[in-house]
Amino acid sequence: MTPKTLPRFSILKAIQVVGDAWSLKILVRIFHGCRRFAELQTSLQISKSALTSRLDQMIGHGLLRRAPIEGTKRFEFRLDEAGLDLWEVLLAISEWELKWFPEHSTARPQLFHHDCGEVVRPILTCNACMTDLTPFNTLAKPGPGAGFEQWAPPQSRRRGNAALRSGDGSGEESHTLLIFGDRWTPAILATCFRGMTRFNAIESYLKIPPAVLAGRLNDLETLGVLRRRPVEDGESQEEFRLTRKGLEIFPYIAMLAKWGDKWMTDHHGAPLTFHHSVCNCQYTPLFRCSCCNMPLRRTRVELLFDEGQPTPLP
């Protein structure tokens, strides 16, 4: 695809790495302890070529590394530093699923916090004042890396792909992949969070093909994440507003931007800085514990599955 001039936008770069349905499903499995090729292929019902391609891409981006299996000539796939740092992004997705698909909560691992010894929920928090972050008390401003760059937008992908058809077939999984396992939708949602809610504004900012944008907006409206409403201000237009269900995707957007700023920016620095109106400080988001209010650290939490065996995060 011909490169276009776009604003530097960490989320756009991040979703080129993790905004793919198969890649998302593979990462979740590896975080849950499934690290061998055959185990991944069987559990995901994915073709050998598709799995090989995704694993190679994630190794190339520094998310995974091949680690020899002791006593054999084979190897397994371990998370590298950039991959480990995605734990907050995946946790945000899990929390959104738990909120909006509670009927499937028994199939999802719970989060155990060693510091307080409780099963907990993560709360999106400002690192400066340790109070809640919401879409209504935060503001993005141009950062040191603000500007424009030549960049090839992602190719349009048909959504009815094998990754959406595989798995347990639940509506929850399909909805999750339609939103988070796509290379356009998170960028569209992030743009809406920044206040660009009209079709022309989103199209112009992201340089997204109109037909692709129309399709994604229709999907998000059907899923109850956006609602369409007419606007009359000299010319008839429509805007797309985040619903409550859409607003609660904010922790995912915040953590994806944090990951992109750390792992996908160049020497220019972060293109956006984020500010908290409660404390008037520039912030980096973190998750704090719903029980003890202490920051959640990857090495101090474990996943609890139905069978009761705790699984430490890698």
C-alpha atoms as a PDB file:
ATOM      1  CA  MET A   1       0.000   0.000   0.000  1.00  0.00           C
ATOM      2  CA  THR A   2       1.267   3.484  -0.875  1.00  0.00           C
ATOM      3  CA  PRO A   3       2.667   5.295   2.194  1.00  0.00           C
ATOM      4  CA  LYS A   4       0.644   8.249   3.443  1.00  0.00           C
ATOM      5  CA  THR A   5       1.483  11.174   5.681  1.00  0.00           C
ATOM      6  CA  LEU A   6      -0.101  10.621   9.067  1.00  0.00           C
ATOM      7  CA  PRO A   7       0.337  12.139  12.519  1.00  0.00           C
ATOM      8  CA  ARG A   8       2.691  10.115  14.687  1.00  0.00           C
ATOM      9  CA  PHE A   9       0.368   7.943  16.751  1.00  0.00           C
ATOM     10  CA  SER A  10       1.721   5.195  19.013  1.00  0.00           C
ATOM     11  CA  ILE A  11      -1.528   3.231  18.986  1.00  0.00           C
ATOM     12  CA  LEU A  12      -1.433   2.931  15.204  1.00  0.00           C
ATOM     13  CA  LYS A  13       2.036   1.409  15.428  1.00  0.00           C
ATOM     14  CA  ALA A  14       1.134  -0.832  18.349  1.00  0.00           C
ATOM     15  CA  ILE A  15      -1.842  -2.410  16.630  1.00  0.00           C
ATOM     16  CA  GLN A  16       0.336  -3.378  13.686  1.00  0.00           C
ATOM     17  CA  VAL A  17       1.993  -5.749  16.145  1.00  0.00           C
ATOM     18  CA  VAL A  18      -0.863  -6.865  18.414  1.00  0.00           C
ATOM     19  CA  GLY A  19      -3.996  -5.805  16.492  1.00  0.00           C
ATOM     20  CA  ASP A  20      -4.506  -9.123  14.741  1.00  0.00           C
ATOM     21  CA  ALA A  21      -7.014 -11.740  15.893  1.00  0.00           C
ATOM     22  CA  TRP A  22      -4.633 -14.682  15.670  1.00  0.00           C
ATOM     23  CA  SER A  23      -1.780 -12.762  17.298  1.00  0.00           C
ATOM     24  CA  LEU A  24      -4.032 -11.752  20.179  1.00  0.00           C
ATOM     25  CA  LYS A  25      -5.195 -15.324  20.741  1.00  0.00           C
ATOM     26  CA  ILE A  26      -1.622 -16.645  20.596  1.00  0.00           C
ATOM     27  CA  LEU A  27      -0.416 -14.075  23.142  1.00  0.00           C
ATOM     28  CA  VAL A  28      -3.213 -14.947  25.560  1.00  0.00           C
ATOM     29  CA  ARG A  29      -2.365 -18.665  25.313  1.00  0.00           C
ATOM     30  CA  ILE A  30       1.329 -18.018  25.931  1.00  0.00           C
ATOM     31  CA  PHE A  31       0.550 -15.816  28.950  1.00  0.00           C
ATOM     32  CA  HIS A  32      -1.536 -18.730  30.252  1.00  0.00           C
ATOM     33  CA  GLY A  33       1.447 -21.061  29.976  1.00  0.00           C
ATOM     34  CA  CYS A  34       0.966 -22.718  26.570  1.00  0.00           C
ATOM     35  CA  ARG A  35       4.363 -22.288  24.902  1.00  0.00           C
ATOM     36  CA  ARG A  36       5.010 -25.196  22.539  1.00  0.00           C
ATOM     37  CA  PHE A  37       4.117 -25.108  18.866  1.00  0.00           C
ATOM     38  CA  ALA A  38       2.004 -28.274  18.893  1.00  0.00           C
ATOM     39  CA  GLU A  39       0.104 -27.160  22.007  1.00  0.00           C
ATOM     40  CA  LEU A  40      -0.641 -23.773  20.471  1.00  0.00           C
ATOM     41  CA  GLN A  41      -1.760 -25.297  17.184  1.00  0.00           C
ATOM     42  CA  THR A  42      -4.071 -27.798  18.898  1.00  0.00           C
ATOM     43  CA  SER A  43      -5.612 -25.404  21.401  1.00  0.00           C
ATOM     44  CA  LEU A  44      -6.194 -22.651  18.824  1.00  0.00           C
ATOM     45  CA  GLN A  45      -7.209 -24.875  15.888  1.00  0.00           C
ATOM     46  CA  ILE A  46      -4.892 -22.793  13.706  1.00  0.00           C
ATOM     47  CA  SER A  47      -3.112 -23.915  10.563  1.00  0.00           C
ATOM     48  CA  LYS A  48       0.606 -24.588  10.762  1.00  0.00           C
ATOM     49  CA  SER A  49       1.395 -21.852   8.239  1.00  0.00           C
ATOM     50  CA  ALA A  50      -0.709 -19.222  10.019  1.00  0.00           C
ATOM     51  CA  LEU A  51       0.816 -20.062  13.393  1.00  0.00           C
ATOM     52  CA  THR A  52       4.350 -20.038  11.988  1.00  0.00           C
ATOM     53  CA  SER A  53       3.752 -16.677  10.329  1.00  0.00           C
ATOM     54  CA  ARG A  54       2.381 -15.032  13.489  1.00  0.00           C
ATOM     55  CA  LEU A  55       5.105 -16.441  15.723  1.00  0.00           C
ATOM     56  CA  ASP A  56       7.821 -15.255  13.322  1.00  0.00           C
ATOM     57  CA  GLN A  57       6.273 -11.779  13.228  1.00  0.00           C
ATOM     58  CA  MET A  58       6.138 -11.556  17.020  1.00  0.00           C
ATOM     59  CA  ILE A  59       9.738 -12.743  17.297  1.00  0.00           C
ATOM     60  CA  GLY A  60      10.734 -10.098  14.763  1.00  0.00           C
ATOM     61  CA  HIS A  61       9.020  -7.395  16.834  1.00  0.00           C
ATOM     62  CA  GLY A  62      10.706  -8.555  20.041  1.00  0.00           C
ATOM     63  CA  LEU A  63       7.581  -9.951  21.701  1.00  0.00           C
ATOM     64  CA  LEU A  64       8.742 -13.581  21.720  1.00  0.00           C
ATOM     65  CA  ARG A  65      11.961 -15.550  21.651  1.00  0.00           C
ATOM     66  CA  ARG A  66      12.713 -19.185  20.963  1.00  0.00           C
ATOM     67  CA  ALA A  67      13.992 -21.002  24.060  1.00  0.00           C
ATOM     68  CA  PRO A  68      15.530 -24.519  23.902  1.00  0.00           C
ATOM     69  CA  ILE A  69      13.668 -27.247  25.794  1.00  0.00           C
ATOM     70  CA  GLU A  70      16.153 -28.955  28.073  1.00  0.00           C
ATOM     71  CA  GLY A  71      17.030 -32.487  27.042  1.00  0.00           C
ATOM     72  CA  THR A  72      15.539 -32.175  23.564  1.00  0.00           C
ATOM     73  CA  LYS A  73      16.366 -30.605  20.236  1.00  0.00           C
ATOM     74  CA  ARG A  74      13.085 -28.738  20.263  1.00  0.00           C
ATOM     75  CA  PHE A  75      12.264 -25.264  21.519  1.00  0.00           C
ATOM     76  CA  GLU A  76       9.347 -23.338  22.974  1.00  0.00           C
ATOM     77  CA  PHE A  77       8.204 -19.754  22.689  1.00  0.00           C
ATOM     78  CA  ARG A  78       8.890 -17.456  25.624  1.00  0.00           C
ATOM     79  CA  LEU A  79       7.772 -13.870  26.078  1.00  0.00           C
ATOM     80  CA  ASP A  80      10.549 -11.324  25.680  1.00  0.00           C
ATOM     81  CA  GLU A  81      10.526  -7.968  27.462  1.00  0.00           C
ATOM     82  CA  ALA A  82       8.211  -6.224  24.976  1.00  0.00           C
ATOM     83  CA  GLY A  83       5.822  -9.180  25.142  1.00  0.00           C
ATOM     84  CA  LEU A  84       5.859  -9.280  28.939  1.00  0.00           C
ATOM     85  CA  ASP A  85       4.936  -5.597  29.004  1.00  0.00           C
ATOM     86  CA  LEU A  86       1.672  -6.429  27.215  1.00  0.00           C
ATOM     87  CA  TRP A  87       0.253  -7.922  30.413  1.00  0.00           C
ATOM     88  CA  GLU A  88      -1.570  -4.677  31.237  1.00  0.00           C
ATOM     89  CA  VAL A  89      -3.090  -4.503  27.738  1.00  0.00           C
ATOM     90  CA  LEU A  90      -4.375  -8.079  28.001  1.00  0.00           C
ATOM     91  CA  LEU A  91      -5.609  -7.477  31.547  1.00  0.00           C
ATOM     92  CA  ALA A  92      -7.615  -4.466  30.344  1.00  0.00           C
ATOM     93  CA  ILE A  93      -9.273  -6.612  27.661  1.00  0.00           C
ATOM     94  CA  SER A  94     -10.106  -9.306  30.227  1.00  0.00           C
ATOM     95  CA  GLU A  95     -11.651  -6.763  32.586  1.00  0.00           C
ATOM     96  CA  TRP A  96     -13.832  -5.349  29.820  1.00  0.00           C
ATOM     97  CA  GLU A  97     -15.013  -8.864  28.958  1.00  0.00           C
ATOM     98  CA  LEU A  98     -15.779  -9.552  32.622  1.00  0.00           C
ATOM     99  CA  LYS A  99     -17.871  -6.390  32.830  1.00  0.00           C
ATOM    100  CA  TRP A 100     -19.897  -6.930  29.663  1.00  0.00           C
ATOM    101  CA  PHE A 101     -20.048 -10.724  29.458  1.00  0.00           C
ATOM    102  CA  PRO A 102     -20.473 -11.828  33.096  1.00  0.00           C
ATOM    103  CA  GLU A 103     -22.197 -15.046  31.997  1.00  0.00           C
ATOM    104  CA  HIS A 104     -18.796 -16.268  30.791  1.00  0.00           C
ATOM    105  CA  SER A 105     -16.905 -15.231  33.924  1.00  0.00           C
ATOM    106  CA  THR A 106     -16.367 -18.830  35.092  1.00  0.00           C
ATOM    107  CA  ALA A 107     -14.271 -19.523  31.985  1.00  0.00           C
ATOM    108  CA  ARG A 108     -11.946 -16.601  32.668  1.00  0.00           C
ATOM    109  CA  PRO A 109      -9.085 -16.709  35.180  1.00  0.00           C
ATOM    110  CA  GLN A 110      -9.280 -14.507  38.254  1.00  0.00           C
ATOM    111  CA  LEU A 111      -6.456 -12.238  39.349  1.00  0.00           C
ATOM    112  CA  PHE A 112      -4.751 -13.055  42.660  1.00  0.00           C
ATOM    113  CA  HIS A 113      -2.616 -10.345  44.291  1.00  0.00           C
ATOM    114  CA  HIS A 114       0.175 -11.658  46.509  1.00  0.00           C
ATOM    115  CA  ASP A 115       0.650  -8.369  48.359  1.00  0.00           C
ATOM    116  CA  CYS A 116      -2.792  -8.559  49.983  1.00  0.00           C
ATOM    117  CA  GLY A 117      -3.645 -12.221  49.445  1.00  0.00           C
ATOM    118  CA  GLU A 118      -6.947 -11.496  47.717  1.00  0.00           C
ATOM    119  CA  VAL A 119      -8.651 -12.068  44.385  1.00  0.00           C
ATOM    120  CA  VAL A 120      -8.764  -8.534  43.015  1.00  0.00           C
ATOM    121  CA  ARG A 121      -9.793  -6.293  40.160  1.00  0.00           C
ATOM    122  CA  PRO A 122      -7.448  -3.775  38.480  1.00  0.00           C
ATOM    123  CA  ILE A 123      -8.332  -0.076  38.670  1.00  0.00           C
ATOM    124  CA  LEU A 124      -6.877   2.337  36.115  1.00  0.00           C
ATOM    125  CA  THR A 125      -4.831   4.832  38.089  1.00  0.00           C
ATOM    126  CA  CYS A 126      -2.691   7.955  37.739  1.00  0.00           C
ATOM    127  CA  ASN A 127       0.887   7.263  38.811  1.00  0.00           C
ATOM    128  CA  ALA A 128       1.249  10.833  40.099  1.00  0.00           C
ATOM    129  CA  CYS A 129      -1.673  11.031  42.542  1.00  0.00           C
ATOM    130  CA  MET A 130      -2.854   7.371  42.687  1.00  0.00           C
ATOM    131  CA  THR A 131      -6.478   8.279  41.936  1.00  0.00           C
ATOM    132  CA  ASP A 132      -8.740   6.985  39.181  1.00  0.00           C
ATOM    133  CA  LEU A 133      -8.214   7.825  35.525  1.00  0.00           C
ATOM    134  CA  THR A 134     -11.306   8.185  33.339  1.00  0.00           C
ATOM    135  CA  PRO A 135     -11.999   9.553  29.851  1.00  0.00           C
ATOM    136  CA  PHE A 136     -13.477  12.618  31.537  1.00  0.00           C
ATOM    137  CA  ASN A 137     -10.501  13.670  33.686  1.00  0.00           C
ATOM    138  CA  THR A 138      -7.678  13.085  31.210  1.00  0.00           C
ATOM    139  CA  LEU A 139      -6.326  15.081  28.293  1.00  0.00           C
ATOM    140  CA  ALA A 140      -3.845  14.288  25.523  1.00  0.00           C
ATOM    141  CA  LYS A 141      -1.420  17.012  24.400  1.00  0.00           C
ATOM    142  CA  PRO A 142       1.287  17.039  21.700  1.00  0.00           C
ATOM    143  CA  GLY A 143       4.457  15.445  23.026  1.00  0.00           C
ATOM    144  CA  PRO A 144       8.124  15.674  22.023  1.00  0.00           C
ATOM    145  CA  GLY A 145       7.546  13.207  19.194  1.00  0.00           C
ATOM    146  CA  ALA A 146       4.544  15.039  17.742  1.00  0.00           C
ATOM    147  CA  GLY A 147       4.636  15.540  14.028  1.00  0.00           C
ATOM    148  CA  PHE A 148       4.005  13.630  10.842  1.00  0.00           C
ATOM    149  CA  GLU A 149       5.598  10.648   9.169  1.00  0.00           C
ATOM    150  CA  GLN A 150       5.302   8.576   6.041  1.00  0.00           C
ATOM    151  CA  TRP A 151       3.573   5.381   6.943  1.00  0.00           C
ATOM    152  CA  ALA A 152       1.722   2.616   5.130  1.00  0.00           C
ATOM    153  CA  PRO A 153      -1.688   2.039   6.758  1.00  0.00           C
ATOM    154  CA  PRO A 154      -2.711  -1.578   7.355  1.00  0.00           C
ATOM    155  CA  GLN A 155      -4.316  -3.489   4.562  1.00  0.00           C
ATOM    156  CA  SER A 156      -8.031  -4.053   4.953  1.00  0.00           C
ATOM    157  CA  ARG A 157      -8.775  -7.529   6.240  1.00  0.00           C
ATOM    158  CA  ARG A 158     -11.994  -9.399   5.966  1.00  0.00           C
ATOM    159  CA  ARG A 159     -13.379  -9.965   9.427  1.00  0.00           C
ATOM    160  CA  GLY A 160     -14.926 -13.371   8.736  1.00  0.00           C
ATOM    161  CA  ASN A 161     -11.531 -15.038   9.027  1.00  0.00           C
ATOM    162  CA  ALA A 162     -10.472 -18.300  10.589  1.00  0.00           C
ATOM    163  CA  ALA A 163      -9.497 -16.671  13.878  1.00  0.00           C
ATOM    164  CA  LEU A 164     -13.057 -15.429  14.388  1.00  0.00           C
ATOM    165  CA  ARG A 165     -14.519 -18.791  13.446  1.00  0.00           C
ATOM    166  CA  SER A 166     -12.250 -20.845  15.686  1.00  0.00           C
ATOM    167  CA  GLY A 167     -12.500 -21.271  19.446  1.00  0.00           C
ATOM    168  CA  ASP A 168     -15.568 -21.749  21.572  1.00  0.00           C
ATOM    169  CA  GLY A 169     -17.906 -19.928  19.196  1.00  0.00           C
ATOM    170  CA  SER A 170     -19.259 -17.695  21.954  1.00  0.00           C
ATOM    171  CA  GLY A 171     -20.539 -14.246  21.147  1.00  0.00           C
ATOM    172  CA  GLU A 172     -18.153 -12.922  23.753  1.00  0.00           C
ATOM    173  CA  GLU A 173     -15.066 -14.149  21.916  1.00  0.00           C
ATOM    174  CA  SER A 174     -16.322 -12.924  18.545  1.00  0.00           C
ATOM    175  CA  HIS A 175     -17.112  -9.480  19.944  1.00  0.00           C
ATOM    176  CA  THR A 176     -13.727  -9.290  21.661  1.00  0.00           C
ATOM    177  CA  LEU A 177     -11.840 -10.148  18.487  1.00  0.00           C
ATOM    178  CA  LEU A 178     -13.905  -7.771  16.361  1.00  0.00           C
ATOM    179  CA  ILE A 179     -12.897  -4.923  18.666  1.00  0.00           C
ATOM    180  CA  PHE A 180      -9.401  -5.779  19.889  1.00  0.00           C
ATOM    181  CA  GLY A 181      -8.200  -8.212  17.225  1.00  0.00           C
ATOM    182  CA  ASP A 182      -8.310  -5.790  14.312  1.00  0.00           C
ATOM    183  CA  ARG A 183      -5.784  -3.395  12.782  1.00  0.00           C
ATOM    184  CA  TRP A 184      -8.172  -0.455  12.458  1.00  0.00           C
ATOM    185  CA  THR A 185     -10.779  -0.603  15.216  1.00  0.00           C
ATOM    186  CA  PRO A 186      -8.584   0.342  18.226  1.00  0.00           C
ATOM    187  CA  ALA A 187      -7.277   3.361  16.291  1.00  0.00           C
ATOM    188  CA  ILE A 188     -10.840   4.429  15.479  1.00  0.00           C
ATOM    189  CA  LEU A 189     -11.830   4.143  19.146  1.00  0.00           C
ATOM    190  CA  ALA A 190      -8.727   6.043  20.284  1.00  0.00           C
ATOM    191  CA  THR A 191      -9.596   8.805  17.822  1.00  0.00           C
ATOM    192  CA  CYS A 192     -13.134   8.984  19.242  1.00  0.00           C
ATOM    193  CA  PHE A 193     -11.705   9.260  22.769  1.00  0.00           C
ATOM    194  CA  ARG A 194      -9.733  12.276  21.550  1.00  0.00           C
ATOM    195  CA  GLY A 195     -12.977  13.988  20.519  1.00  0.00           C
ATOM    196  CA  MET A 196     -12.981  13.322  16.763  1.00  0.00           C
ATOM    197  CA  THR A 197     -16.413  11.762  16.389  1.00  0.00           C
ATOM    198  CA  ARG A 198     -17.496  12.663  12.849  1.00  0.00           C
ATOM    199  CA  PHE A 199     -16.890  10.408   9.899  1.00  0.00           C
ATOM    200  CA  ASN A 200     -14.882  12.984   7.951  1.00  0.00           C
ATOM    201  CA  ALA A 201     -12.716  13.841  10.963  1.00  0.00           C
ATOM    202  CA  ILE A 202     -11.829  10.194  11.637  1.00  0.00           C
ATOM    203  CA  GLU A 203     -11.206   9.505   7.945  1.00  0.00           C
ATOM    204  CA  SER A 204      -8.967  12.546   7.597  1.00  0.00           C
ATOM    205  CA  TYR A 205      -6.946  11.870  10.754  1.00  0.00           C
ATOM    206  CA  LEU A 206      -6.316   8.160  10.167  1.00  0.00           C
ATOM    207  CA  LYS A 207      -6.252   8.252   6.341  1.00  0.00           C
ATOM    208  CA  ILE A 208      -8.511   5.219   6.478  1.00  0.00           C
ATOM    209  CA  PRO A 209     -10.366   4.113   3.318  1.00  0.00           C
ATOM    210  CA  PRO A 210     -13.996   5.337   3.595  1.00  0.00           C
ATOM    211  CA  ALA A 211     -15.467   1.899   2.938  1.00  0.00           C
ATOM    212  CA  VAL A 212     -13.308   0.357   5.677  1.00  0.00           C
ATOM    213  CA  LEU A 213     -14.261   3.101   8.137  1.00  0.00           C
ATOM    214  CA  ALA A 214     -17.957   2.731   7.350  1.00  0.00           C
ATOM    215  CA  GLY A 215     -17.746  -1.007   7.946  1.00  0.00           C
ATOM    216  CA  ARG A 216     -15.924  -0.659  11.264  1.00  0.00           C
ATOM    217  CA  LEU A 217     -18.317   2.046  12.498  1.00  0.00           C
ATOM    218  CA  ASN A 218     -21.290  -0.143  11.606  1.00  0.00           C
ATOM    219  CA  ASP A 219     -19.737  -3.039  13.515  1.00  0.00           C
ATOM    220  CA  LEU A 220     -19.089  -0.876  16.572  1.00  0.00           C
ATOM    221  CA  GLU A 221     -22.629   0.460  16.471  1.00  0.00           C
ATOM    222  CA  THR A 222     -24.035  -3.080  16.227  1.00  0.00           C
ATOM    223  CA  LEU A 223     -21.865  -4.162  19.166  1.00  0.00           C
ATOM    224  CA  GLY A 224     -23.195  -1.272  21.262  1.00  0.00           C
ATOM    225  CA  VAL A 225     -19.816   0.445  21.567  1.00  0.00           C
ATOM    226  CA  LEU A 226     -20.769   3.509  19.512  1.00  0.00           C
ATOM    227  CA  ARG A 227     -24.086   5.202  18.862  1.00  0.00           C
ATOM    228  CA  ARG A 228     -24.845   7.266  15.803  1.00  0.00           C
ATOM    229  CA  ARG A 229     -26.632  10.594  16.073  1.00  0.00           C
ATOM    230  CA  PRO A 230     -27.371  13.370  13.598  1.00  0.00           C
ATOM    231  CA  VAL A 231     -25.670  16.748  13.904  1.00  0.00           C
ATOM    232  CA  GLU A 232     -27.058  19.908  12.348  1.00  0.00           C
ATOM    233  CA  ASP A 233     -24.577  22.775  12.095  1.00  0.00           C
ATOM    234  CA  GLY A 234     -25.018  24.199   8.642  1.00  0.00           C
ATOM    235  CA  GLU A 235     -24.762  20.875   6.886  1.00  0.00           C
ATOM    236  CA  SER A 236     -26.329  17.565   7.689  1.00  0.00           C
ATOM    237  CA  GLN A 237     -23.805  15.187   9.266  1.00  0.00           C
ATOM    238  CA  GLU A 238     -23.629  12.332  11.723  1.00  0.00           C
ATOM    239  CA  GLU A 239     -21.339  11.756  14.643  1.00  0.00           C
ATOM    240  CA  PHE A 240     -20.443   8.616  16.517  1.00  0.00           C
ATOM    241  CA  ARG A 241     -20.467   8.829  20.301  1.00  0.00           C
ATOM    242  CA  LEU A 242     -19.016   6.291  22.698  1.00  0.00           C
ATOM    243  CA  THR A 243     -21.650   4.505  24.749  1.00  0.00           C
ATOM    244  CA  ARG A 244     -21.020   3.389  28.325  1.00  0.00           C
ATOM    245  CA  LYS A 245     -19.826   0.083  26.907  1.00  0.00           C
ATOM    246  CA  GLY A 246     -17.437   1.998  24.647  1.00  0.00           C
ATOM    247  CA  LEU A 247     -16.223   4.349  27.369  1.00  0.00           C
ATOM    248  CA  GLU A 248     -15.165   1.372  29.456  1.00  0.00           C
ATOM    249  CA  ILE A 249     -12.659   0.403  26.752  1.00  0.00           C
ATOM    250  CA  PHE A 250     -10.606   3.400  27.931  1.00  0.00           C
ATOM    251  CA  PRO A 251      -8.216   1.338  30.131  1.00  0.00           C
ATOM    252  CA  TYR A 252      -7.287  -0.742  27.089  1.00  0.00           C
ATOM    253  CA  ILE A 253      -6.647   2.382  24.988  1.00  0.00           C
ATOM    254  CA  ALA A 254      -4.574   3.897  27.817  1.00  0.00           C
ATOM    255  CA  MET A 255      -2.445   0.784  28.265  1.00  0.00           C
ATOM    256  CA  LEU A 256      -2.016   0.248  24.516  1.00  0.00           C
ATOM    257  CA  ALA A 257      -0.760   3.829  24.161  1.00  0.00           C
ATOM    258  CA  LYS A 258       1.598   3.279  27.104  1.00  0.00           C
ATOM    259  CA  TRP A 259       3.001   0.130  25.480  1.00  0.00           C
ATOM    260  CA  GLY A 260       3.302   1.819  22.089  1.00  0.00           C
ATOM    261  CA  ASP A 261       5.094   4.817  23.589  1.00  0.00           C
ATOM    262  CA  LYS A 262       7.647   2.527  25.231  1.00  0.00           C
ATOM    263  CA  TRP A 263       8.239  -0.015  22.479  1.00  0.00           C
ATOM    264  CA  MET A 264       7.195   1.550  19.165  1.00  0.00           C
ATOM    265  CA  THR A 265       8.467   5.139  19.285  1.00  0.00           C
ATOM    266  CA  ASP A 266      11.736   6.325  17.787  1.00  0.00           C
ATOM    267  CA  HIS A 267      14.283   8.914  18.887  1.00  0.00           C
ATOM    268  CA  HIS A 268      11.663  11.668  18.619  1.00  0.00           C
ATOM    269  CA  GLY A 269       9.928  10.455  21.793  1.00  0.00           C
ATOM    270  CA  ALA A 270       6.242  10.000  22.571  1.00  0.00           C
ATOM    271  CA  PRO A 271       3.946  11.784  20.118  1.00  0.00           C
ATOM    272  CA  LEU A 272       1.385  12.510  22.841  1.00  0.00           C
ATOM    273  CA  THR A 273       1.607  13.236  26.543  1.00  0.00           C
ATOM    274  CA  PHE A 274      -1.289  12.540  28.880  1.00  0.00           C
ATOM    275  CA  HIS A 275      -2.457  14.825  31.679  1.00  0.00           C
ATOM    276  CA  HIS A 276      -4.722  14.249  34.678  1.00  0.00           C
ATOM    277  CA  SER A 277      -7.060  17.123  35.579  1.00  0.00           C
ATOM    278  CA  VAL A 278      -7.391  15.956  39.199  1.00  0.00           C
ATOM    279  CA  CYS A 279      -3.724  16.558  40.033  1.00  0.00           C
ATOM    280  CA  ASN A 280      -2.729  18.663  36.994  1.00  0.00           C
ATOM    281  CA  CYS A 281       0.173  16.301  36.333  1.00  0.00           C
ATOM    282  CA  GLN A 282       1.434  14.447  33.321  1.00  0.00           C
ATOM    283  CA  TYR A 283       0.806  10.790  34.048  1.00  0.00           C
ATOM    284  CA  THR A 284       1.701   7.272  33.044  1.00  0.00           C
ATOM    285  CA  PRO A 285      -1.224   4.898  33.652  1.00  0.00           C
ATOM    286  CA  LEU A 286      -0.936   1.939  35.970  1.00  0.00           C
ATOM    287  CA  PHE A 287      -3.300  -0.545  37.552  1.00  0.00           C
ATOM    288  CA  ARG A 288      -3.830  -0.530  41.301  1.00  0.00           C
ATOM    289  CA  CYS A 289      -5.377  -3.246  43.427  1.00  0.00           C
ATOM    290  CA  SER A 290      -9.096  -2.996  44.229  1.00  0.00           C
ATOM    291  CA  CYS A 291      -8.450  -4.390  47.740  1.00  0.00           C
ATOM    292  CA  CYS A 292      -5.236  -2.844  49.063  1.00  0.00           C
ATOM    293  CA  ASN A 293      -4.927   0.090  46.616  1.00  0.00           C
ATOM    294  CA  MET A 294      -1.285  -0.730  45.956  1.00  0.00           C
ATOM    295  CA  PRO A 295       0.076  -0.751  42.383  1.00  0.00           C
ATOM    296  CA  LEU A 296      -0.245  -4.118  40.659  1.00  0.00           C
ATOM    297  CA  ARG A 297       3.080  -5.539  39.471  1.00  0.00           C
ATOM    298  CA  ARG A 298       3.326  -8.370  36.992  1.00  0.00           C
ATOM    299  CA  THR A 299       5.597 -10.402  39.261  1.00  0.00           C
ATOM    300  CA  ARG A 300       3.193 -10.068  42.212  1.00  0.00           C
ATOM    301  CA  VAL A 301       0.012 -11.364  40.601  1.00  0.00           C
ATOM    302  CA  GLU A 302      -1.132 -14.809  39.470  1.00  0.00           C
ATOM    303  CA  LEU A 303      -3.999 -16.148  37.390  1.00  0.00           C
ATOM    304  CA  LEU A 304      -6.444 -18.513  39.105  1.00  0.00           C
ATOM    305  CA  PHE A 305      -8.282 -20.925  36.829  1.00  0.00           C
ATOM    306  CA  ASP A 306     -11.299 -23.099  37.628  1.00  0.00           C
ATOM    307  CA  GLU A 307      -9.120 -26.015  38.578  1.00  0.00           C
ATOM    308  CA  GLY A 308      -7.670 -23.894  41.359  1.00  0.00           C
ATOM    309  CA  GLN A 309      -4.036 -24.073  40.259  1.00  0.00           C
ATOM    310  CA  PRO A 310      -2.424 -20.603  40.295  1.00  0.00           C
ATOM    311  CA  THR A 311      -0.497 -19.629  37.183  1.00  0.00           C
ATOM    312  CA  PRO A 312       2.138 -16.933  37.709  1.00  0.00           C
ATOM    313  CA  LEU A 313       2.396 -14.411  34.907  1.00  0.00           C
ATOM    314  CA  PRO A 314       5.619 -14.994  32.957  1.00  0.00           C
END
